[in-house]
Amino acid sequence: MKRFFQALLFICLVAAVPAFSQASEAGPSPSAAVSDYIIGPGDVLFISVWKDQALTQSLQVRPDGKISFPLIGELAAGGRTVAQLQKDMEEKLSRFIPEPTISVGVQDIRSMFIYVIGRVNAPGRFAINAPVDVLQALAMAGGCNAFAETKDIKVFRKTGSETRIMGFNYNDVSRGKNLEQNITLARGDVIVVP
């Protein structure tokens, strides 16, 4: 019986090797896209400096979008990608440490919120940590209630001092028409269901 289970384990391992190699050839893992993530206030960053444990720490991005780091002082993190922040920190630390090797990662995403208000069953602020489109956001809010004007939903997106308003016709999109209206939401987007 023991030999049977050993043989079975061997067959499973041999079968798994091609699947593993295909997965590794398929391209970068989801974590490879982390360097493109745009940091926001509230996010917790893990910053490590190679061969310097005293500078390795977790920092939360303040509401003003800045962090404080030893030797560097205050540094803008909000609105920048992880890769941009890492490069900037390496340049600033190079004045104090010869050829510093810094690793910056997002330990906890706390700045990705969308808002759904109006005639939905569960309006509110929703934390997201993956791409979400308008239909998915409406589902997160419990769907439109019976009194909603589903043809006239609006998505408000603020960029700097400008606010862009995009229309969303739930009736069309749910029937497979005008699917371009079902946009991927960005940090801070507000969906208003009249």
N, C-alpha and C. Protein backbone atom coordinates (compact mmCIF):
# COMPACT_ATOMS: atom_id res chain seq x y z
N MET A 1 0.84 -1.20 0.00
CA MET A 1 0.00 0.00 0.00
C MET A 1 0.88 1.25 0.00
N LYS A 2 1.98 1.21 0.77
CA LYS A 2 2.89 2.35 0.85
C LYS A 2 3.50 2.64 -0.52
N ARG A 3 3.87 1.57 -1.24
CA ARG A 3 4.46 1.74 -2.57
C ARG A 3 3.45 2.33 -3.55
N PHE A 4 2.19 1.96 -3.38
CA PHE A 4 1.14 2.51 -4.25
C PHE A 4 1.05 4.02 -4.09
N PHE A 5 1.04 4.51 -2.85
CA PHE A 5 0.97 5.96 -2.61
C PHE A 5 2.22 6.68 -3.07
N GLN A 6 3.38 6.05 -2.94
CA GLN A 6 4.61 6.65 -3.44
C GLN A 6 4.56 6.78 -4.96
N ALA A 7 4.09 5.75 -5.63
CA ALA A 7 3.97 5.79 -7.10
C ALA A 7 2.97 6.86 -7.52
N LEU A 8 1.87 6.97 -6.79
CA LEU A 8 0.85 7.97 -7.10
C LEU A 8 1.41 9.38 -6.92
N LEU A 9 2.16 9.59 -5.85
CA LEU A 9 2.79 10.89 -5.61
C LEU A 9 3.77 11.23 -6.72
N PHE A 10 4.56 10.24 -7.16
CA PHE A 10 5.53 10.45 -8.23
C PHE A 10 4.82 10.86 -9.53
N ILE A 11 3.72 10.18 -9.85
CA ILE A 11 2.96 10.50 -11.08
C ILE A 11 2.41 11.91 -11.01
N CYS A 12 1.90 12.31 -9.85
CA CYS A 12 1.36 13.67 -9.68
C CYS A 12 2.44 14.71 -9.86
N LEU A 13 3.63 14.46 -9.30
CA LEU A 13 4.73 15.41 -9.43
C LEU A 13 5.19 15.54 -10.87
N VAL A 14 5.29 14.41 -11.58
CA VAL A 14 5.71 14.43 -12.99
C VAL A 14 4.69 15.18 -13.82
N ALA A 15 3.40 14.99 -13.53
CA ALA A 15 2.35 15.68 -14.29
C ALA A 15 2.35 17.17 -14.00
N ALA A 16 2.78 17.58 -12.80
CA ALA A 16 2.75 18.99 -12.43
C ALA A 16 3.88 19.79 -13.05
N VAL A 17 5.00 19.15 -13.39
CA VAL A 17 6.16 19.87 -13.92
C VAL A 17 5.85 20.61 -15.21
N PRO A 18 5.22 19.97 -16.25
CA PRO A 18 4.90 20.74 -17.46
C PRO A 18 3.96 21.90 -17.19
N ALA A 19 2.97 21.71 -16.30
CA ALA A 19 2.04 22.79 -15.99
C ALA A 19 2.76 23.95 -15.35
N PHE A 20 3.74 23.64 -14.45
CA PHE A 20 4.51 24.69 -13.79
C PHE A 20 5.35 25.45 -14.80
N SER A 21 5.99 24.73 -15.73
CA SER A 21 6.85 25.42 -16.70
C SER A 21 6.02 26.25 -17.65
N GLN A 22 4.80 25.78 -18.02
CA GLN A 22 3.94 26.58 -18.88
C GLN A 22 3.50 27.85 -18.16
N ALA A 23 3.21 27.75 -16.86
CA ALA A 23 2.78 28.92 -16.09
C ALA A 23 3.89 29.93 -16.02
N SER A 24 5.14 29.46 -15.87
CA SER A 24 6.25 30.40 -15.77
C SER A 24 6.56 31.04 -17.10
N GLU A 25 6.24 30.35 -18.22
CA GLU A 25 6.48 30.92 -19.54
C GLU A 25 5.34 31.84 -19.98
N ALA A 26 4.23 31.81 -19.26
CA ALA A 26 3.05 32.57 -19.67
C ALA A 26 3.25 34.07 -19.53
N GLY A 27 4.24 34.50 -18.81
CA GLY A 27 4.48 35.93 -18.65
C GLY A 27 4.63 36.28 -17.19
N PRO A 28 4.71 37.58 -16.92
CA PRO A 28 4.94 38.01 -15.55
C PRO A 28 3.76 37.70 -14.66
N SER A 29 4.04 37.47 -13.42
CA SER A 29 2.99 37.19 -12.45
C SER A 29 2.26 38.49 -12.12
N PRO A 30 1.06 38.41 -11.50
CA PRO A 30 0.33 39.62 -11.15
C PRO A 30 1.15 40.57 -10.29
N SER A 31 2.05 40.03 -9.46
CA SER A 31 2.83 40.89 -8.59
C SER A 31 3.81 41.75 -9.37
N ALA A 32 4.09 41.37 -10.64
CA ALA A 32 5.01 42.16 -11.45
C ALA A 32 4.43 43.53 -11.78
N ALA A 33 3.11 43.64 -11.75
CA ALA A 33 2.46 44.91 -12.07
C ALA A 33 2.44 45.86 -10.88
N VAL A 34 2.94 45.42 -9.72
CA VAL A 34 2.91 46.25 -8.52
C VAL A 34 3.69 47.55 -8.72
N SER A 35 4.77 47.52 -9.51
CA SER A 35 5.57 48.73 -9.70
C SER A 35 4.78 49.81 -10.44
N ASP A 36 3.68 49.45 -11.12
CA ASP A 36 2.84 50.43 -11.83
C ASP A 36 1.73 51.00 -10.94
N TYR A 37 1.56 50.45 -9.76
CA TYR A 37 0.49 50.89 -8.86
C TYR A 37 0.75 52.33 -8.43
N ILE A 38 -0.28 53.15 -8.48
CA ILE A 38 -0.16 54.54 -8.05
C ILE A 38 -0.53 54.62 -6.57
N ILE A 39 0.42 55.09 -5.80
CA ILE A 39 0.28 55.16 -4.34
C ILE A 39 -0.70 56.26 -3.97
N GLY A 40 -1.49 56.03 -2.93
CA GLY A 40 -2.44 57.02 -2.46
C GLY A 40 -2.38 57.18 -0.95
N PRO A 41 -2.96 58.26 -0.43
CA PRO A 41 -2.99 58.48 1.03
C PRO A 41 -3.64 57.31 1.75
N GLY A 42 -3.04 56.88 2.84
CA GLY A 42 -3.56 55.75 3.62
C GLY A 42 -2.88 54.45 3.31
N ASP A 43 -2.27 54.31 2.13
CA ASP A 43 -1.57 53.07 1.79
C ASP A 43 -0.41 52.85 2.76
N VAL A 44 -0.15 51.59 3.07
CA VAL A 44 0.98 51.24 3.93
C VAL A 44 2.07 50.67 3.03
N LEU A 45 3.25 51.30 3.08
CA LEU A 45 4.38 50.88 2.28
C LEU A 45 5.39 50.14 3.14
N PHE A 46 6.01 49.11 2.56
CA PHE A 46 7.12 48.43 3.22
C PHE A 46 8.38 48.79 2.47
N ILE A 47 9.29 49.47 3.14
CA ILE A 47 10.52 49.95 2.52
C ILE A 47 11.69 49.27 3.21
N SER A 48 12.52 48.61 2.42
CA SER A 48 13.71 47.98 2.98
C SER A 48 14.95 48.45 2.24
N VAL A 49 15.99 48.65 3.00
CA VAL A 49 17.29 49.03 2.45
C VAL A 49 18.22 47.86 2.70
N TRP A 50 18.77 47.33 1.63
CA TRP A 50 19.62 46.13 1.73
C TRP A 50 20.82 46.40 2.63
N LYS A 51 21.05 45.46 3.53
CA LYS A 51 22.16 45.52 4.49
C LYS A 51 22.03 46.67 5.49
N ASP A 52 20.80 47.16 5.72
CA ASP A 52 20.60 48.21 6.72
C ASP A 52 19.24 48.03 7.37
N GLN A 53 19.19 47.18 8.39
CA GLN A 53 17.93 46.89 9.08
C GLN A 53 17.32 48.12 9.75
N ALA A 54 18.16 49.08 10.14
CA ALA A 54 17.65 50.28 10.83
C ALA A 54 16.77 51.11 9.91
N LEU A 55 16.99 51.01 8.60
CA LEU A 55 16.18 51.78 7.64
C LEU A 55 15.03 50.98 7.05
N THR A 56 14.87 49.75 7.45
CA THR A 56 13.78 48.91 6.95
C THR A 56 12.57 49.12 7.84
N GLN A 57 11.46 49.54 7.25
CA GLN A 57 10.26 49.84 8.05
C GLN A 57 9.00 49.90 7.21
N SER A 58 7.87 49.86 7.91
CA SER A 58 6.56 50.06 7.29
C SER A 58 6.12 51.49 7.57
N LEU A 59 5.62 52.17 6.55
CA LEU A 59 5.17 53.55 6.70
C LEU A 59 3.81 53.73 6.07
N GLN A 60 2.95 54.49 6.73
CA GLN A 60 1.66 54.81 6.15
C GLN A 60 1.74 56.17 5.48
N VAL A 61 1.21 56.25 4.26
CA VAL A 61 1.19 57.52 3.53
C VAL A 61 0.18 58.44 4.21
N ARG A 62 0.62 59.64 4.57
CA ARG A 62 -0.23 60.59 5.27
C ARG A 62 -1.30 61.15 4.33
N PRO A 63 -2.33 61.80 4.89
CA PRO A 63 -3.38 62.38 4.04
C PRO A 63 -2.86 63.40 3.02
N ASP A 64 -1.71 64.03 3.32
CA ASP A 64 -1.14 64.98 2.35
C ASP A 64 -0.31 64.28 1.28
N GLY A 65 -0.27 62.93 1.32
CA GLY A 65 0.44 62.16 0.30
C GLY A 65 1.92 62.00 0.55
N LYS A 66 2.40 62.39 1.72
CA LYS A 66 3.83 62.33 2.00
C LYS A 66 4.15 61.25 3.03
N ILE A 67 5.43 60.86 3.04
CA ILE A 67 5.96 59.97 4.06
C ILE A 67 7.21 60.62 4.64
N SER A 68 7.60 60.20 5.82
CA SER A 68 8.86 60.66 6.43
C SER A 68 9.77 59.45 6.55
N PHE A 69 10.99 59.60 6.03
CA PHE A 69 11.94 58.49 6.03
C PHE A 69 13.27 58.98 6.58
N PRO A 70 13.93 58.16 7.42
CA PRO A 70 15.21 58.58 8.00
C PRO A 70 16.21 59.00 6.92
N LEU A 71 17.00 59.99 7.24
CA LEU A 71 18.04 60.59 6.39
C LEU A 71 17.46 61.45 5.27
N ILE A 72 16.32 61.04 4.71
CA ILE A 72 15.73 61.79 3.59
C ILE A 72 14.82 62.89 4.10
N GLY A 73 14.04 62.59 5.13
CA GLY A 73 13.03 63.52 5.62
C GLY A 73 11.71 63.28 4.91
N GLU A 74 10.98 64.36 4.64
CA GLU A 74 9.68 64.23 3.98
C GLU A 74 9.86 63.99 2.50
N LEU A 75 8.97 63.14 1.98
CA LEU A 75 9.06 62.73 0.59
C LEU A 75 7.65 62.51 0.06
N ALA A 76 7.35 63.06 -1.12
CA ALA A 76 6.04 62.87 -1.73
C ALA A 76 5.91 61.45 -2.25
N ALA A 77 4.87 60.75 -1.83
CA ALA A 77 4.63 59.37 -2.28
C ALA A 77 3.30 59.27 -3.04
N GLY A 78 2.29 60.00 -2.58
CA GLY A 78 0.97 59.96 -3.21
C GLY A 78 1.00 60.46 -4.64
N GLY A 79 0.29 59.73 -5.51
CA GLY A 79 0.22 60.12 -6.92
C GLY A 79 1.39 59.63 -7.74
N ARG A 80 2.30 58.89 -7.13
CA ARG A 80 3.45 58.36 -7.85
C ARG A 80 3.38 56.84 -7.87
N THR A 81 4.06 56.24 -8.84
CA THR A 81 4.11 54.78 -8.88
C THR A 81 5.15 54.29 -7.88
N VAL A 82 5.07 53.02 -7.56
CA VAL A 82 6.03 52.41 -6.65
C VAL A 82 7.44 52.53 -7.24
N ALA A 83 7.57 52.32 -8.55
CA ALA A 83 8.88 52.40 -9.20
C ALA A 83 9.46 53.81 -9.13
N GLN A 84 8.62 54.83 -9.32
CA GLN A 84 9.08 56.22 -9.24
C GLN A 84 9.57 56.56 -7.84
N LEU A 85 8.81 56.13 -6.83
CA LEU A 85 9.20 56.40 -5.45
C LEU A 85 10.51 55.70 -5.12
N GLN A 86 10.64 54.46 -5.54
CA GLN A 86 11.86 53.70 -5.27
C GLN A 86 13.07 54.38 -5.89
N LYS A 87 12.95 54.82 -7.13
CA LYS A 87 14.07 55.49 -7.82
C LYS A 87 14.44 56.80 -7.10
N ASP A 88 13.44 57.57 -6.72
CA ASP A 88 13.68 58.84 -6.04
C ASP A 88 14.38 58.61 -4.69
N MET A 89 13.93 57.59 -3.96
CA MET A 89 14.53 57.30 -2.66
C MET A 89 15.99 56.85 -2.82
N GLU A 90 16.27 56.04 -3.84
CA GLU A 90 17.65 55.61 -4.08
C GLU A 90 18.55 56.80 -4.37
N GLU A 91 18.04 57.76 -5.18
CA GLU A 91 18.83 58.95 -5.50
C GLU A 91 19.11 59.78 -4.25
N LYS A 92 18.09 59.97 -3.42
CA LYS A 92 18.25 60.80 -2.22
C LYS A 92 19.14 60.11 -1.17
N LEU A 93 19.01 58.80 -1.04
CA LEU A 93 19.82 58.07 -0.05
C LEU A 93 21.27 57.93 -0.50
N SER A 94 21.53 58.05 -1.79
CA SER A 94 22.91 57.88 -2.29
C SER A 94 23.85 58.96 -1.74
N ARG A 95 23.29 60.04 -1.21
CA ARG A 95 24.12 61.07 -0.57
C ARG A 95 24.69 60.57 0.77
N PHE A 96 24.01 59.60 1.36
CA PHE A 96 24.40 59.12 2.68
C PHE A 96 24.95 57.69 2.65
N ILE A 97 24.45 56.88 1.70
CA ILE A 97 24.85 55.48 1.60
C ILE A 97 25.35 55.23 0.19
N PRO A 98 26.55 54.70 0.01
CA PRO A 98 27.04 54.45 -1.35
C PRO A 98 26.25 53.34 -2.03
N GLU A 99 25.73 53.64 -3.21
CA GLU A 99 24.96 52.69 -4.03
C GLU A 99 23.90 51.93 -3.24
N PRO A 100 22.91 52.64 -2.68
CA PRO A 100 21.89 51.95 -1.88
C PRO A 100 20.98 51.09 -2.75
N THR A 101 20.58 49.95 -2.23
CA THR A 101 19.60 49.10 -2.91
C THR A 101 18.34 49.10 -2.06
N ILE A 102 17.30 49.72 -2.63
CA ILE A 102 16.05 49.90 -1.89
C ILE A 102 14.95 49.08 -2.55
N SER A 103 14.11 48.50 -1.72
CA SER A 103 12.93 47.79 -2.19
C SER A 103 11.70 48.46 -1.58
N VAL A 104 10.77 48.86 -2.44
CA VAL A 104 9.53 49.48 -1.98
C VAL A 104 8.36 48.61 -2.42
N GLY A 105 7.52 48.26 -1.48
CA GLY A 105 6.34 47.47 -1.79
C GLY A 105 5.12 48.01 -1.09
N VAL A 106 3.95 47.72 -1.64
CA VAL A 106 2.69 48.14 -1.00
C VAL A 106 2.25 47.00 -0.10
N GLN A 107 2.35 47.23 1.19
CA GLN A 107 2.01 46.20 2.17
C GLN A 107 0.50 46.10 2.36
N ASP A 108 -0.19 47.24 2.31
CA ASP A 108 -1.63 47.25 2.52
C ASP A 108 -2.25 48.39 1.72
N ILE A 109 -3.15 48.06 0.82
CA ILE A 109 -3.82 49.07 0.00
C ILE A 109 -5.00 49.62 0.79
N ARG A 110 -4.92 50.91 1.13
CA ARG A 110 -6.00 51.54 1.91
C ARG A 110 -6.51 52.81 1.27
N SER A 111 -6.12 53.07 0.03
CA SER A 111 -6.52 54.33 -0.59
C SER A 111 -7.47 54.14 -1.77
N MET A 112 -7.77 52.90 -2.11
CA MET A 112 -8.61 52.63 -3.27
C MET A 112 -10.08 52.54 -2.84
N PHE A 113 -10.77 53.66 -2.95
CA PHE A 113 -12.18 53.70 -2.59
C PHE A 113 -13.00 54.22 -3.76
N ILE A 114 -14.18 53.68 -3.92
CA ILE A 114 -15.17 54.23 -4.83
C ILE A 114 -16.43 54.47 -4.01
N TYR A 115 -17.32 55.30 -4.54
CA TYR A 115 -18.53 55.68 -3.81
C TYR A 115 -19.73 55.44 -4.71
N VAL A 116 -20.77 54.84 -4.15
CA VAL A 116 -22.03 54.64 -4.87
C VAL A 116 -23.12 55.25 -4.01
N ILE A 117 -23.80 56.27 -4.57
CA ILE A 117 -24.84 56.96 -3.82
C ILE A 117 -26.12 57.04 -4.64
N GLY A 118 -27.21 57.37 -3.97
CA GLY A 118 -28.49 57.52 -4.65
C GLY A 118 -29.37 56.30 -4.43
N ARG A 119 -30.14 55.97 -5.45
CA ARG A 119 -31.16 54.93 -5.34
C ARG A 119 -30.59 53.53 -5.59
N VAL A 120 -29.75 53.11 -4.66
CA VAL A 120 -29.25 51.73 -4.63
C VAL A 120 -29.61 51.16 -3.26
N ASN A 121 -29.53 49.85 -3.15
CA ASN A 121 -29.97 49.21 -1.91
C ASN A 121 -29.00 49.35 -0.75
N ALA A 122 -27.72 49.55 -1.05
CA ALA A 122 -26.73 49.68 0.02
C ALA A 122 -25.68 50.72 -0.39
N PRO A 123 -26.06 52.02 -0.38
CA PRO A 123 -25.11 53.05 -0.79
C PRO A 123 -23.94 53.14 0.19
N GLY A 124 -22.83 53.69 -0.29
CA GLY A 124 -21.71 53.89 0.62
C GLY A 124 -20.37 53.95 -0.08
N ARG A 125 -19.33 53.88 0.74
CA ARG A 125 -17.95 53.89 0.27
C ARG A 125 -17.46 52.45 0.26
N PHE A 126 -16.81 52.05 -0.84
CA PHE A 126 -16.37 50.68 -1.00
C PHE A 126 -14.87 50.63 -1.27
N ALA A 127 -14.17 49.83 -0.48
CA ALA A 127 -12.74 49.62 -0.70
C ALA A 127 -12.57 48.59 -1.80
N ILE A 128 -11.67 48.88 -2.73
CA ILE A 128 -11.40 47.93 -3.81
C ILE A 128 -9.90 47.65 -3.86
N ASN A 129 -9.55 46.43 -4.20
CA ASN A 129 -8.14 46.08 -4.37
C ASN A 129 -7.91 45.32 -5.67
N ALA A 130 -8.87 45.45 -6.58
CA ALA A 130 -8.77 44.87 -7.91
C ALA A 130 -9.60 45.76 -8.84
N PRO A 131 -9.35 45.70 -10.15
CA PRO A 131 -10.14 46.53 -11.08
C PRO A 131 -11.64 46.21 -10.96
N VAL A 132 -12.45 47.26 -10.92
CA VAL A 132 -13.90 47.14 -10.78
C VAL A 132 -14.55 48.04 -11.82
N ASP A 133 -15.55 47.53 -12.53
CA ASP A 133 -16.27 48.36 -13.48
C ASP A 133 -17.59 48.84 -12.86
N VAL A 134 -18.36 49.62 -13.62
CA VAL A 134 -19.58 50.23 -13.08
C VAL A 134 -20.60 49.16 -12.67
N LEU A 135 -20.80 48.15 -13.51
CA LEU A 135 -21.76 47.09 -13.16
C LEU A 135 -21.36 46.40 -11.87
N GLN A 136 -20.08 46.11 -11.72
CA GLN A 136 -19.62 45.45 -10.50
C GLN A 136 -19.82 46.35 -9.28
N ALA A 137 -19.58 47.64 -9.44
CA ALA A 137 -19.78 48.58 -8.33
C ALA A 137 -21.24 48.65 -7.92
N LEU A 138 -22.13 48.64 -8.90
CA LEU A 138 -23.56 48.65 -8.59
C LEU A 138 -23.96 47.37 -7.86
N ALA A 139 -23.35 46.25 -8.24
CA ALA A 139 -23.62 44.99 -7.54
C ALA A 139 -23.12 45.07 -6.10
N MET A 140 -21.94 45.69 -5.89
CA MET A 140 -21.40 45.85 -4.54
C MET A 140 -22.35 46.67 -3.68
N ALA A 141 -23.08 47.60 -4.31
CA ALA A 141 -24.01 48.46 -3.58
C ALA A 141 -25.40 47.84 -3.50
N GLY A 142 -25.51 46.56 -3.79
CA GLY A 142 -26.79 45.87 -3.65
C GLY A 142 -27.73 46.05 -4.82
N GLY A 143 -27.27 46.67 -5.89
CA GLY A 143 -28.09 46.88 -7.07
C GLY A 143 -28.99 48.10 -6.94
N CYS A 144 -29.57 48.50 -8.05
CA CYS A 144 -30.48 49.66 -8.06
C CYS A 144 -31.80 49.27 -7.42
N ASN A 145 -32.41 50.23 -6.71
CA ASN A 145 -33.72 49.91 -6.13
C ASN A 145 -34.83 50.14 -7.16
N ALA A 146 -36.05 49.85 -6.78
CA ALA A 146 -37.18 49.90 -7.72
C ALA A 146 -37.47 51.29 -8.24
N PHE A 147 -37.02 52.35 -7.55
CA PHE A 147 -37.34 53.72 -7.94
C PHE A 147 -36.20 54.38 -8.74
N ALA A 148 -35.14 53.67 -9.00
CA ALA A 148 -33.97 54.25 -9.67
C ALA A 148 -34.25 54.54 -11.14
N GLU A 149 -33.69 55.65 -11.61
CA GLU A 149 -33.75 55.98 -13.03
C GLU A 149 -32.50 55.38 -13.68
N THR A 150 -32.61 54.12 -14.04
CA THR A 150 -31.44 53.35 -14.46
C THR A 150 -30.86 53.78 -15.81
N LYS A 151 -31.60 54.62 -16.55
CA LYS A 151 -31.08 55.09 -17.84
C LYS A 151 -30.19 56.31 -17.69
N ASP A 152 -30.17 56.90 -16.49
CA ASP A 152 -29.50 58.19 -16.32
C ASP A 152 -28.48 58.17 -15.17
N ILE A 153 -27.77 57.05 -15.01
CA ILE A 153 -26.74 56.94 -13.98
C ILE A 153 -25.52 57.74 -14.43
N LYS A 154 -24.85 58.38 -13.48
CA LYS A 154 -23.67 59.20 -13.80
C LYS A 154 -22.46 58.72 -12.98
N VAL A 155 -21.29 58.80 -13.61
CA VAL A 155 -20.02 58.51 -12.94
C VAL A 155 -19.23 59.80 -12.91
N PHE A 156 -18.89 60.26 -11.71
CA PHE A 156 -18.12 61.49 -11.52
C PHE A 156 -16.67 61.13 -11.23
N ARG A 157 -15.77 61.68 -12.04
CA ARG A 157 -14.34 61.42 -11.85
C ARG A 157 -13.60 62.74 -11.73
N LYS A 158 -12.95 62.93 -10.58
CA LYS A 158 -12.21 64.16 -10.34
C LYS A 158 -10.74 63.94 -10.67
N THR A 159 -10.21 64.82 -11.53
CA THR A 159 -8.79 64.80 -11.88
C THR A 159 -8.25 66.19 -11.64
N GLY A 160 -7.46 66.34 -10.59
CA GLY A 160 -6.97 67.67 -10.23
C GLY A 160 -8.14 68.53 -9.80
N SER A 161 -8.32 69.67 -10.48
CA SER A 161 -9.42 70.57 -10.14
C SER A 161 -10.62 70.37 -11.06
N GLU A 162 -10.51 69.47 -12.02
CA GLU A 162 -11.60 69.23 -12.97
C GLU A 162 -12.39 67.98 -12.61
N THR A 163 -13.70 68.03 -12.85
CA THR A 163 -14.56 66.87 -12.65
C THR A 163 -15.19 66.49 -13.97
N ARG A 164 -14.99 65.25 -14.35
CA ARG A 164 -15.56 64.73 -15.60
C ARG A 164 -16.78 63.89 -15.25
N ILE A 165 -17.86 64.06 -16.00
CA ILE A 165 -19.09 63.31 -15.76
C ILE A 165 -19.35 62.40 -16.95
N MET A 166 -19.50 61.11 -16.68
CA MET A 166 -19.75 60.12 -17.72
C MET A 166 -21.09 59.45 -17.50
N GLY A 167 -21.85 59.31 -18.55
CA GLY A 167 -23.17 58.69 -18.46
C GLY A 167 -23.08 57.17 -18.47
N PHE A 168 -24.06 56.54 -17.84
CA PHE A 168 -24.14 55.08 -17.82
C PHE A 168 -25.60 54.68 -17.87
N ASN A 169 -25.98 53.97 -18.94
CA ASN A 169 -27.35 53.49 -19.10
C ASN A 169 -27.38 52.01 -18.72
N TYR A 170 -27.85 51.73 -17.52
CA TYR A 170 -27.87 50.37 -17.01
C TYR A 170 -28.70 49.45 -17.91
N ASN A 171 -29.83 49.96 -18.42
CA ASN A 171 -30.71 49.14 -19.25
C ASN A 171 -29.98 48.66 -20.50
N ASP A 172 -29.24 49.57 -21.16
CA ASP A 172 -28.50 49.18 -22.36
C ASP A 172 -27.39 48.19 -22.04
N VAL A 173 -26.57 48.53 -21.06
CA VAL A 173 -25.40 47.69 -20.75
C VAL A 173 -25.83 46.30 -20.30
N SER A 174 -26.88 46.21 -19.50
CA SER A 174 -27.33 44.90 -19.02
C SER A 174 -27.89 44.05 -20.17
N ARG A 175 -28.23 44.69 -21.29
CA ARG A 175 -28.70 43.95 -22.48
C ARG A 175 -27.57 43.72 -23.48
N GLY A 176 -26.36 44.13 -23.12
CA GLY A 176 -25.22 43.92 -24.00
C GLY A 176 -25.01 45.02 -25.03
N LYS A 177 -25.65 46.15 -24.85
CA LYS A 177 -25.51 47.28 -25.78
C LYS A 177 -24.65 48.37 -25.14
N ASN A 178 -23.96 49.15 -25.99
CA ASN A 178 -23.14 50.28 -25.52
C ASN A 178 -22.24 49.89 -24.34
N LEU A 179 -21.53 48.78 -24.49
CA LEU A 179 -20.71 48.26 -23.39
C LEU A 179 -19.53 49.17 -23.06
N GLU A 180 -19.21 50.10 -23.95
CA GLU A 180 -18.11 51.03 -23.66
C GLU A 180 -18.43 51.93 -22.46
N GLN A 181 -19.71 52.02 -22.09
CA GLN A 181 -20.10 52.81 -20.92
C GLN A 181 -19.68 52.12 -19.61
N ASN A 182 -19.46 50.82 -19.67
CA ASN A 182 -19.12 50.05 -18.46
C ASN A 182 -17.62 50.17 -18.20
N ILE A 183 -17.20 51.38 -17.84
CA ILE A 183 -15.78 51.69 -17.68
C ILE A 183 -15.21 51.10 -16.40
N THR A 184 -13.89 50.91 -16.41
CA THR A 184 -13.19 50.52 -15.19
C THR A 184 -13.06 51.76 -14.33
N LEU A 185 -13.44 51.64 -13.08
CA LEU A 185 -13.44 52.78 -12.17
C LEU A 185 -12.04 53.09 -11.66
N ALA A 186 -11.84 54.34 -11.31
CA ALA A 186 -10.57 54.81 -10.77
C ALA A 186 -10.77 55.21 -9.32
N ARG A 187 -9.68 55.38 -8.61
CA ARG A 187 -9.71 55.80 -7.20
C ARG A 187 -10.54 57.07 -7.05
N GLY A 188 -11.51 57.04 -6.15
CA GLY A 188 -12.30 58.23 -5.86
C GLY A 188 -13.52 58.44 -6.73
N ASP A 189 -13.76 57.58 -7.73
CA ASP A 189 -14.94 57.76 -8.59
C ASP A 189 -16.22 57.66 -7.76
N VAL A 190 -17.20 58.47 -8.17
CA VAL A 190 -18.50 58.49 -7.48
C VAL A 190 -19.57 58.14 -8.50
N ILE A 191 -20.36 57.11 -8.20
CA ILE A 191 -21.48 56.71 -9.06
C ILE A 191 -22.74 57.25 -8.40
N VAL A 192 -23.50 58.01 -9.18
CA VAL A 192 -24.76 58.60 -8.68
C VAL A 192 -25.92 57.95 -9.44
N VAL A 193 -26.81 57.31 -8.68
CA VAL A 193 -27.99 56.67 -9.26
C VAL A 193 -29.19 57.51 -8.88
N PRO A 194 -29.77 58.28 -9.84
CA PRO A 194 -30.90 59.17 -9.52
C PRO A 194 -32.20 58.42 -9.28
